[in-house]
């Protein structure tokens, strides 16, 4: 189990370095730069409480925790698993 945790932590560290993430939170502008989402769409989804990640407000500005972002990013970029379907005879 220790190898899995170590491997997971190592992968996160590599991803942080690759994406240039050294802070604990990222703002909407940084989120958009990393994902290609438009800021207006992100703000609209936050306002309507439909945003894909938990949001923390510091003052009036919304932020996303880097840990939450990494979980979401890794989940979205993981290869899709093949789904087996029953074939009709």
PDB file of N, CA and C in Angstrom:
ATOM      1  N   UNK A   1       0.826  -1.198   0.000  1.00  0.00           N
ATOM      2  CA  UNK A   1       0.000   0.000   0.000  1.00  0.00           C
ATOM      3  C   UNK A   1       0.866   1.256   0.000  1.00  0.00           C
ATOM      4  N   UNK A   2       2.002   1.181   0.655  1.00  0.00           N
ATOM      5  CA  UNK A   2       2.875   2.342   0.729  1.00  0.00           C
ATOM      6  C   UNK A   2       3.358   2.771  -0.651  1.00  0.00           C
ATOM      7  N   UNK A   3       3.629   1.796  -1.540  1.00  0.00           N
ATOM      8  CA  UNK A   3       4.081   2.104  -2.885  1.00  0.00           C
ATOM      9  C   UNK A   3       3.013   2.861  -3.662  1.00  0.00           C
ATOM     10  N   UNK A   4       1.755   2.479  -3.481  1.00  0.00           N
ATOM     11  CA  UNK A   4       0.654   3.143  -4.176  1.00  0.00           C
ATOM     12  C   UNK A   4       0.559   4.592  -3.729  1.00  0.00           C
ATOM     13  N   UNK A   5       0.622   4.817  -2.429  1.00  0.00           N
ATOM     14  CA  UNK A   5       0.543   6.179  -1.899  1.00  0.00           C
ATOM     15  C   UNK A   5       1.726   6.990  -2.405  1.00  0.00           C
ATOM     16  N   UNK A   6       2.914   6.409  -2.325  1.00  0.00           N
ATOM     17  CA  UNK A   6       4.106   7.094  -2.779  1.00  0.00           C
ATOM     18  C   UNK A   6       4.005   7.426  -4.268  1.00  0.00           C
ATOM     19  N   UNK A   7       3.547   6.470  -5.045  1.00  0.00           N
ATOM     20  CA  UNK A   7       3.404   6.672  -6.482  1.00  0.00           C
ATOM     21  C   UNK A   7       2.389   7.768  -6.773  1.00  0.00           C
ATOM     22  N   UNK A   8       1.276   7.767  -6.052  1.00  0.00           N
ATOM     23  CA  UNK A   8       0.238   8.772  -6.233  1.00  0.00           C
ATOM     24  C   UNK A   8       0.757  10.157  -5.863  1.00  0.00           C
ATOM     25  N   UNK A   9       1.461  10.244  -4.752  1.00  0.00           N
ATOM     26  CA  UNK A   9       2.023  11.527  -4.325  1.00  0.00           C
ATOM     27  C   UNK A   9       3.076  12.007  -5.310  1.00  0.00           C
ATOM     28  N   UNK A  10       3.862  11.088  -5.822  1.00  0.00           N
ATOM     29  CA  UNK A  10       4.882  11.448  -6.807  1.00  0.00           C
ATOM     30  C   UNK A  10       4.236  11.960  -8.089  1.00  0.00           C
ATOM     31  N   UNK A  11       3.166  11.298  -8.509  1.00  0.00           N
ATOM     32  CA  UNK A  11       2.464  11.719  -9.719  1.00  0.00           C
ATOM     33  C   UNK A  11       1.863  13.114  -9.542  1.00  0.00           C
ATOM     34  N   UNK A  12       1.294  13.385  -8.357  1.00  0.00           N
ATOM     35  CA  UNK A  12       0.745  14.712  -8.072  1.00  0.00           C
ATOM     36  C   UNK A  12       1.836  15.772  -8.092  1.00  0.00           C
ATOM     37  N   UNK A  13       2.988  15.455  -7.510  1.00  0.00           N
ATOM     38  CA  UNK A  13       4.104  16.400  -7.484  1.00  0.00           C
ATOM     39  C   UNK A  13       4.580  16.695  -8.909  1.00  0.00           C
ATOM     40  N   UNK A  14       4.657  15.671  -9.733  1.00  0.00           N
ATOM     41  CA  UNK A  14       5.057  15.869 -11.133  1.00  0.00           C
ATOM     42  C   UNK A  14       4.042  16.732 -11.867  1.00  0.00           C
ATOM     43  N   UNK A  15       2.766  16.476 -11.623  1.00  0.00           N
ATOM     44  CA  UNK A  15       1.713  17.256 -12.269  1.00  0.00           C
ATOM     45  C   UNK A  15       1.759  18.712 -11.819  1.00  0.00           C
ATOM     46  N   UNK A  16       1.973  18.933 -10.529  1.00  0.00           N
ATOM     47  CA  UNK A  16       2.102  20.311 -10.016  1.00  0.00           C
ATOM     48  C   UNK A  16       3.255  21.028 -10.704  1.00  0.00           C
ATOM     49  N   UNK A  17       4.382  20.347 -10.839  1.00  0.00           N
ATOM     50  CA  UNK A  17       5.539  20.952 -11.493  1.00  0.00           C
ATOM     51  C   UNK A  17       5.237  21.218 -12.966  1.00  0.00           C
ATOM     52  N   UNK A  18       4.611  20.268 -13.613  1.00  0.00           N
ATOM     53  CA  UNK A  18       4.297  20.408 -15.037  1.00  0.00           C
ATOM     54  C   UNK A  18       3.340  21.574 -15.289  1.00  0.00           C
ATOM     55  N   UNK A  19       2.350  21.740 -14.408  1.00  0.00           N
ATOM     56  CA  UNK A  19       1.349  22.799 -14.571  1.00  0.00           C
ATOM     57  C   UNK A  19       1.768  24.112 -13.905  1.00  0.00           C
ATOM     58  N   UNK A  20       2.875  24.091 -13.193  1.00  0.00           N
ATOM     59  CA  UNK A  20       3.347  25.298 -12.522  1.00  0.00           C
ATOM     60  C   UNK A  20       2.514  25.671 -11.315  1.00  0.00           C
ATOM     61  N   UNK A  21       2.015  24.675 -10.597  1.00  0.00           N
ATOM     62  CA  UNK A  21       1.175  24.930  -9.425  1.00  0.00           C
ATOM     63  C   UNK A  21       2.024  24.836  -8.159  1.00  0.00           C
ATOM     64  N   UNK A  22       2.234  25.967  -7.509  1.00  0.00           N
ATOM     65  CA  UNK A  22       3.008  25.968  -6.269  1.00  0.00           C
ATOM     66  C   UNK A  22       2.206  26.533  -5.101  1.00  0.00           C
ATOM     67  N   UNK A  23       1.018  27.039  -5.384  1.00  0.00           N
ATOM     68  CA  UNK A  23       0.188  27.639  -4.346  1.00  0.00           C
ATOM     69  C   UNK A  23      -0.876  26.644  -3.869  1.00  0.00           C
ATOM     70  N   UNK A  24      -1.596  27.020  -2.812  1.00  0.00           N
ATOM     71  CA  UNK A  24      -2.653  26.153  -2.278  1.00  0.00           C
ATOM     72  C   UNK A  24      -3.977  26.352  -3.001  1.00  0.00           C
ATOM     73  N   UNK A  25      -4.194  27.546  -3.542  1.00  0.00           N
ATOM     74  CA  UNK A  25      -5.438  27.873  -4.231  1.00  0.00           C
ATOM     75  C   UNK A  25      -5.123  28.498  -5.584  1.00  0.00           C
ATOM     76  N   UNK A  26      -6.029  28.302  -6.542  1.00  0.00           N
ATOM     77  CA  UNK A  26      -5.913  28.994  -7.828  1.00  0.00           C
ATOM     78  C   UNK A  26      -7.187  29.798  -8.055  1.00  0.00           C
ATOM     79  N   UNK A  27      -7.023  30.939  -8.702  1.00  0.00           N
ATOM     80  CA  UNK A  27      -8.191  31.771  -8.982  1.00  0.00           C
ATOM     81  C   UNK A  27      -8.807  31.373 -10.324  1.00  0.00           C
ATOM     82  N   UNK A  28      -9.883  32.019 -10.678  1.00  0.00           N
ATOM     83  CA  UNK A  28     -10.606  31.678 -11.901  1.00  0.00           C
ATOM     84  C   UNK A  28      -9.726  31.880 -13.137  1.00  0.00           C
ATOM     85  N   UNK A  29      -8.957  32.949 -13.160  1.00  0.00           N
ATOM     86  CA  UNK A  29      -8.095  33.211 -14.321  1.00  0.00           C
ATOM     87  C   UNK A  29      -7.095  32.073 -14.530  1.00  0.00           C
ATOM     88  N   UNK A  30      -6.500  31.588 -13.447  1.00  0.00           N
ATOM     89  CA  UNK A  30      -5.532  30.478 -13.539  1.00  0.00           C
ATOM     90  C   UNK A  30      -6.244  29.190 -13.934  1.00  0.00           C
ATOM     91  N   UNK A  31      -7.417  28.934 -13.353  1.00  0.00           N
ATOM     92  CA  UNK A  31      -8.202  27.754 -13.706  1.00  0.00           C
ATOM     93  C   UNK A  31      -8.491  27.760 -15.206  1.00  0.00           C
ATOM     94  N   UNK A  32      -8.905  28.902 -15.714  1.00  0.00           N
ATOM     95  CA  UNK A  32      -9.229  29.019 -17.146  1.00  0.00           C
ATOM     96  C   UNK A  32      -7.993  28.820 -18.012  1.00  0.00           C
ATOM     97  N   UNK A  33      -6.866  29.350 -17.581  1.00  0.00           N
ATOM     98  CA  UNK A  33      -5.632  29.182 -18.344  1.00  0.00           C
ATOM     99  C   UNK A  33      -5.210  27.717 -18.412  1.00  0.00           C
ATOM    100  N   UNK A  34      -5.458  26.981 -17.336  1.00  0.00           N
ATOM    101  CA  UNK A  34      -5.067  25.572 -17.292  1.00  0.00           C
ATOM    102  C   UNK A  34      -6.035  24.656 -18.034  1.00  0.00           C
ATOM    103  N   UNK A  35      -7.294  25.060 -18.129  1.00  0.00           N
ATOM    104  CA  UNK A  35      -8.318  24.157 -18.667  1.00  0.00           C
ATOM    105  C   UNK A  35      -8.895  24.577 -20.009  1.00  0.00           C
ATOM    106  N   UNK A  36      -8.782  25.849 -20.351  1.00  0.00           N
ATOM    107  CA  UNK A  36      -9.391  26.324 -21.587  1.00  0.00           C
ATOM    108  C   UNK A  36     -10.835  26.756 -21.423  1.00  0.00           C
ATOM    109  N   UNK A  37     -11.367  26.691 -20.204  1.00  0.00           N
ATOM    110  CA  UNK A  37     -12.719  27.175 -19.942  1.00  0.00           C
ATOM    111  C   UNK A  37     -12.726  28.694 -20.064  1.00  0.00           C
ATOM    112  N   UNK A  38     -13.861  29.262 -20.408  1.00  0.00           N
ATOM    113  CA  UNK A  38     -13.954  30.724 -20.432  1.00  0.00           C
ATOM    114  C   UNK A  38     -14.338  31.221 -19.037  1.00  0.00           C
ATOM    115  N   UNK A  39     -13.808  32.372 -18.672  1.00  0.00           N
ATOM    116  CA  UNK A  39     -14.080  32.948 -17.350  1.00  0.00           C
ATOM    117  C   UNK A  39     -15.563  33.213 -17.158  1.00  0.00           C
ATOM    118  N   UNK A  40     -16.236  33.692 -18.207  1.00  0.00           N
ATOM    119  CA  UNK A  40     -17.668  33.991 -18.068  1.00  0.00           C
ATOM    120  C   UNK A  40     -18.461  32.727 -17.758  1.00  0.00           C
ATOM    121  N   UNK A  41     -18.089  31.615 -18.379  1.00  0.00           N
ATOM    122  CA  UNK A  41     -18.769  30.342 -18.106  1.00  0.00           C
ATOM    123  C   UNK A  41     -18.516  29.894 -16.673  1.00  0.00           C
ATOM    124  N   UNK A  42     -17.281  29.997 -16.230  1.00  0.00           N
ATOM    125  CA  UNK A  42     -16.929  29.592 -14.865  1.00  0.00           C
ATOM    126  C   UNK A  42     -17.690  30.435 -13.851  1.00  0.00           C
ATOM    127  N   UNK A  43     -17.681  31.762 -14.033  1.00  0.00           N
ATOM    128  CA  UNK A  43     -18.401  32.635 -13.092  1.00  0.00           C
ATOM    129  C   UNK A  43     -19.895  32.343 -13.094  1.00  0.00           C
ATOM    130  N   UNK A  44     -20.451  32.082 -14.255  1.00  0.00           N
ATOM    131  CA  UNK A  44     -21.875  31.752 -14.340  1.00  0.00           C
ATOM    132  C   UNK A  44     -22.170  30.454 -13.584  1.00  0.00           C
ATOM    133  N   UNK A  45     -21.330  29.443 -13.777  1.00  0.00           N
ATOM    134  CA  UNK A  45     -21.541  28.167 -13.083  1.00  0.00           C
ATOM    135  C   UNK A  45     -21.364  28.317 -11.575  1.00  0.00           C
ATOM    136  N   UNK A  46     -20.425  29.135 -11.152  1.00  0.00           N
ATOM    137  CA  UNK A  46     -20.253  29.381  -9.716  1.00  0.00           C
ATOM    138  C   UNK A  46     -21.490  30.069  -9.162  1.00  0.00           C
ATOM    139  N   UNK A  47     -21.963  31.085  -9.869  1.00  0.00           N
ATOM    140  CA  UNK A  47     -23.146  31.839  -9.428  1.00  0.00           C
ATOM    141  C   UNK A  47     -24.367  30.927  -9.323  1.00  0.00           C
ATOM    142  N   UNK A  48     -24.514  30.009 -10.281  1.00  0.00           N
ATOM    143  CA  UNK A  48     -25.660  29.090 -10.291  1.00  0.00           C
ATOM    144  C   UNK A  48     -25.404  27.816  -9.486  1.00  0.00           C
ATOM    145  N   UNK A  49     -24.264  27.759  -8.799  1.00  0.00           N
ATOM    146  CA  UNK A  49     -23.870  26.613  -7.975  1.00  0.00           C
ATOM    147  C   UNK A  49     -23.836  25.320  -8.782  1.00  0.00           C
ATOM    148  N   UNK A  50     -23.336  25.416 -10.017  1.00  0.00           N
ATOM    149  CA  UNK A  50     -23.193  24.253 -10.885  1.00  0.00           C
ATOM    150  C   UNK A  50     -21.732  23.989 -11.237  1.00  0.00           C
ATOM    151  N   UNK A  51     -20.813  24.685 -10.596  1.00  0.00           N
ATOM    152  CA  UNK A  51     -19.403  24.543 -10.931  1.00  0.00           C
ATOM    153  C   UNK A  51     -18.910  23.168 -10.515  1.00  0.00           C
ATOM    154  N   UNK A  52     -17.976  22.619 -11.269  1.00  0.00           N
ATOM    155  CA  UNK A  52     -17.514  21.243 -11.086  1.00  0.00           C
ATOM    156  C   UNK A  52     -16.654  21.027  -9.843  1.00  0.00           C
ATOM    157  N   UNK A  53     -16.225  22.089  -9.198  1.00  0.00           N
ATOM    158  CA  UNK A  53     -15.352  21.980  -8.029  1.00  0.00           C
ATOM    159  C   UNK A  53     -15.843  22.863  -6.893  1.00  0.00           C
ATOM    160  N   UNK A  54     -15.496  22.501  -5.647  1.00  0.00           N
ATOM    161  CA  UNK A  54     -15.827  23.388  -4.523  1.00  0.00           C
ATOM    162  C   UNK A  54     -15.073  24.710  -4.657  1.00  0.00           C
ATOM    163  N   UNK A  55     -15.729  25.791  -4.289  1.00  0.00           N
ATOM    164  CA  UNK A  55     -15.161  27.133  -4.410  1.00  0.00           C
ATOM    165  C   UNK A  55     -15.035  27.756  -3.029  1.00  0.00           C
ATOM    166  N   UNK A  56     -13.901  28.398  -2.792  1.00  0.00           N
ATOM    167  CA  UNK A  56     -13.670  29.145  -1.563  1.00  0.00           C
ATOM    168  C   UNK A  56     -13.540  30.607  -1.943  1.00  0.00           C
ATOM    169  N   UNK A  57     -14.285  31.465  -1.257  1.00  0.00           N
ATOM    170  CA  UNK A  57     -14.176  32.898  -1.543  1.00  0.00           C
ATOM    171  C   UNK A  57     -13.239  33.538  -0.533  1.00  0.00           C
ATOM    172  N   UNK A  58     -12.326  34.330  -1.070  1.00  0.00           N
ATOM    173  CA  UNK A  58     -11.430  35.134  -0.246  1.00  0.00           C
ATOM    174  C   UNK A  58     -11.735  36.567  -0.634  1.00  0.00           C
ATOM    175  N   UNK A  59     -12.407  37.246   0.263  1.00  0.00           N
ATOM    176  CA  UNK A  59     -12.969  38.546  -0.104  1.00  0.00           C
ATOM    177  C   UNK A  59     -14.138  38.258  -1.035  1.00  0.00           C
ATOM    178  N   UNK A  60     -14.139  38.876  -2.181  1.00  0.00           N
ATOM    179  CA  UNK A  60     -15.207  38.621  -3.159  1.00  0.00           C
ATOM    180  C   UNK A  60     -14.746  37.697  -4.281  1.00  0.00           C
ATOM    181  N   UNK A  61     -13.479  37.297  -4.243  1.00  0.00           N
ATOM    182  CA  UNK A  61     -12.885  36.537  -5.334  1.00  0.00           C
ATOM    183  C   UNK A  61     -12.948  35.031  -5.064  1.00  0.00           C
ATOM    184  N   UNK A  62     -13.466  34.237  -6.026  1.00  0.00           N
ATOM    185  CA  UNK A  62     -13.537  32.782  -5.848  1.00  0.00           C
ATOM    186  C   UNK A  62     -12.212  32.099  -6.180  1.00  0.00           C
ATOM    187  N   UNK A  63     -11.898  31.093  -5.392  1.00  0.00           N
ATOM    188  CA  UNK A  63     -10.694  30.285  -5.584  1.00  0.00           C
ATOM    189  C   UNK A  63     -11.055  28.806  -5.509  1.00  0.00           C
ATOM    190  N   UNK A  64     -10.204  27.991  -6.137  1.00  0.00           N
ATOM    191  CA  UNK A  64     -10.337  26.538  -6.076  1.00  0.00           C
ATOM    192  C   UNK A  64      -9.080  25.997  -5.414  1.00  0.00           C
ATOM    193  N   UNK A  65      -9.248  25.058  -4.484  1.00  0.00           N
ATOM    194  CA  UNK A  65      -8.091  24.432  -3.840  1.00  0.00           C
ATOM    195  C   UNK A  65      -7.334  23.601  -4.874  1.00  0.00           C
ATOM    196  N   UNK A  66      -6.021  23.703  -4.861  1.00  0.00           N
ATOM    197  CA  UNK A  66      -5.195  22.959  -5.812  1.00  0.00           C
ATOM    198  C   UNK A  66      -5.439  21.460  -5.669  1.00  0.00           C
ATOM    199  N   UNK A  67      -5.601  20.970  -4.455  1.00  0.00           N
ATOM    200  CA  UNK A  67      -5.863  19.531  -4.245  1.00  0.00           C
ATOM    201  C   UNK A  67      -7.142  19.096  -4.959  1.00  0.00           C
ATOM    202  N   UNK A  68      -8.199  19.899  -4.834  1.00  0.00           N
ATOM    203  CA  UNK A  68      -9.456  19.591  -5.526  1.00  0.00           C
ATOM    204  C   UNK A  68      -9.263  19.636  -7.038  1.00  0.00           C
ATOM    205  N   UNK A  69      -8.529  20.661  -7.492  1.00  0.00           N
ATOM    206  CA  UNK A  69      -8.261  20.784  -8.926  1.00  0.00           C
ATOM    207  C   UNK A  69      -7.500  19.574  -9.438  1.00  0.00           C
ATOM    208  N   UNK A  70      -6.463  19.130  -8.712  1.00  0.00           N
ATOM    209  CA  UNK A  70      -5.670  17.980  -9.147  1.00  0.00           C
ATOM    210  C   UNK A  70      -6.512  16.714  -9.212  1.00  0.00           C
ATOM    211  N   UNK A  71      -7.365  16.498  -8.219  1.00  0.00           N
ATOM    212  CA  UNK A  71      -8.258  15.328  -8.248  1.00  0.00           C
ATOM    213  C   UNK A  71      -9.122  15.360  -9.496  1.00  0.00           C
ATOM    214  N   UNK A  72      -9.742  16.508  -9.749  1.00  0.00           N
ATOM    215  CA  UNK A  72     -10.627  16.668 -10.906  1.00  0.00           C
ATOM    216  C   UNK A  72      -9.849  16.521 -12.207  1.00  0.00           C
ATOM    217  N   UNK A  73      -8.686  17.146 -12.293  1.00  0.00           N
ATOM    218  CA  UNK A  73      -7.865  17.119 -13.499  1.00  0.00           C
ATOM    219  C   UNK A  73      -7.414  15.691 -13.818  1.00  0.00           C
ATOM    220  N   UNK A  74      -6.969  14.968 -12.799  1.00  0.00           N
ATOM    221  CA  UNK A  74      -6.511  13.591 -13.002  1.00  0.00           C
ATOM    222  C   UNK A  74      -7.670  12.690 -13.424  1.00  0.00           C
ATOM    223  N   UNK A  75      -8.825  12.908 -12.826  1.00  0.00           N
ATOM    224  CA  UNK A  75     -10.000  12.113 -13.172  1.00  0.00           C
ATOM    225  C   UNK A  75     -10.397  12.337 -14.624  1.00  0.00           C
ATOM    226  N   UNK A  76     -10.367  13.580 -15.069  1.00  0.00           N
ATOM    227  CA  UNK A  76     -10.753  13.914 -16.446  1.00  0.00           C
ATOM    228  C   UNK A  76      -9.728  13.463 -17.466  1.00  0.00           C
ATOM    229  N   UNK A  77      -8.449  13.420 -17.081  1.00  0.00           N
ATOM    230  CA  UNK A  77      -7.427  13.061 -18.053  1.00  0.00           C
ATOM    231  C   UNK A  77      -7.052  11.585 -18.008  1.00  0.00           C
ATOM    232  N   UNK A  78      -7.692  10.832 -17.118  1.00  0.00           N
ATOM    233  CA  UNK A  78      -7.437   9.390 -17.068  1.00  0.00           C
ATOM    234  C   UNK A  78      -8.036   8.736 -18.308  1.00  0.00           C
ATOM    235  N   UNK A  79      -7.360   7.729 -18.837  1.00  0.00           N
ATOM    236  CA  UNK A  79      -7.922   7.058 -20.013  1.00  0.00           C
ATOM    237  C   UNK A  79      -9.249   6.389 -19.669  1.00  0.00           C
ATOM    238  N   UNK A  80     -10.161   6.450 -20.600  1.00  0.00           N
ATOM    239  CA  UNK A  80     -11.468   5.834 -20.375  1.00  0.00           C
ATOM    240  C   UNK A  80     -11.330   4.329 -20.462  1.00  0.00           C
ATOM    241  N   UNK A  81     -12.007   3.642 -19.583  1.00  0.00           N
ATOM    242  CA  UNK A  81     -11.979   2.187 -19.596  1.00  0.00           C
ATOM    243  C   UNK A  81     -12.982   1.672 -20.620  1.00  0.00           C
ATOM    244  N   UNK A  82     -12.607   0.603 -21.259  1.00  0.00           N
ATOM    245  CA  UNK A  82     -13.501  -0.021 -22.230  1.00  0.00           C
ATOM    246  C   UNK A  82     -14.679  -0.634 -21.498  1.00  0.00           C
ATOM    247  N   UNK A  83     -15.848  -0.472 -22.063  1.00  0.00           N
ATOM    248  CA  UNK A  83     -17.059  -1.050 -21.483  1.00  0.00           C
ATOM    249  C   UNK A  83     -17.470  -2.212 -22.365  1.00  0.00           C
ATOM    250  N   UNK A  84     -17.662  -3.339 -21.716  1.00  0.00           N
ATOM    251  CA  UNK A  84     -18.085  -4.505 -22.480  1.00  0.00           C
ATOM    252  C   UNK A  84     -19.578  -4.485 -22.674  1.00  0.00           C
ATOM    253  N   UNK A  85     -20.007  -4.749 -23.901  1.00  0.00           N
ATOM    254  CA  UNK A  85     -21.415  -4.808 -24.223  1.00  0.00           C
ATOM    255  C   UNK A  85     -21.750  -6.203 -24.703  1.00  0.00           C
ATOM    256  N   UNK A  86     -22.931  -6.641 -24.367  1.00  0.00           N
ATOM    257  CA  UNK A  86     -23.380  -7.934 -24.891  1.00  0.00           C
ATOM    258  C   UNK A  86     -23.659  -7.770 -26.382  1.00  0.00           C
ATOM    259  N   UNK A  87     -23.115  -8.644 -27.148  1.00  0.00           N
ATOM    260  CA  UNK A  87     -23.326  -8.608 -28.584  1.00  0.00           C
ATOM    261  C   UNK A  87     -24.515  -9.496 -28.935  1.00  0.00           C
ATOM    262  N   UNK A  88     -25.443  -8.990 -29.730  1.00  0.00           N
ATOM    263  CA  UNK A  88     -26.572  -9.838 -30.138  1.00  0.00           C
ATOM    264  C   UNK A  88     -26.071 -10.963 -31.045  1.00  0.00           C
ATOM    265  N   UNK A  89     -26.692 -12.133 -30.913  1.00  0.00           N
ATOM    266  CA  UNK A  89     -26.311 -13.283 -31.741  1.00  0.00           C
ATOM    267  C   UNK A  89     -27.039 -13.304 -33.034  1.00  0.00           C
TER     268      UNK A  89
END
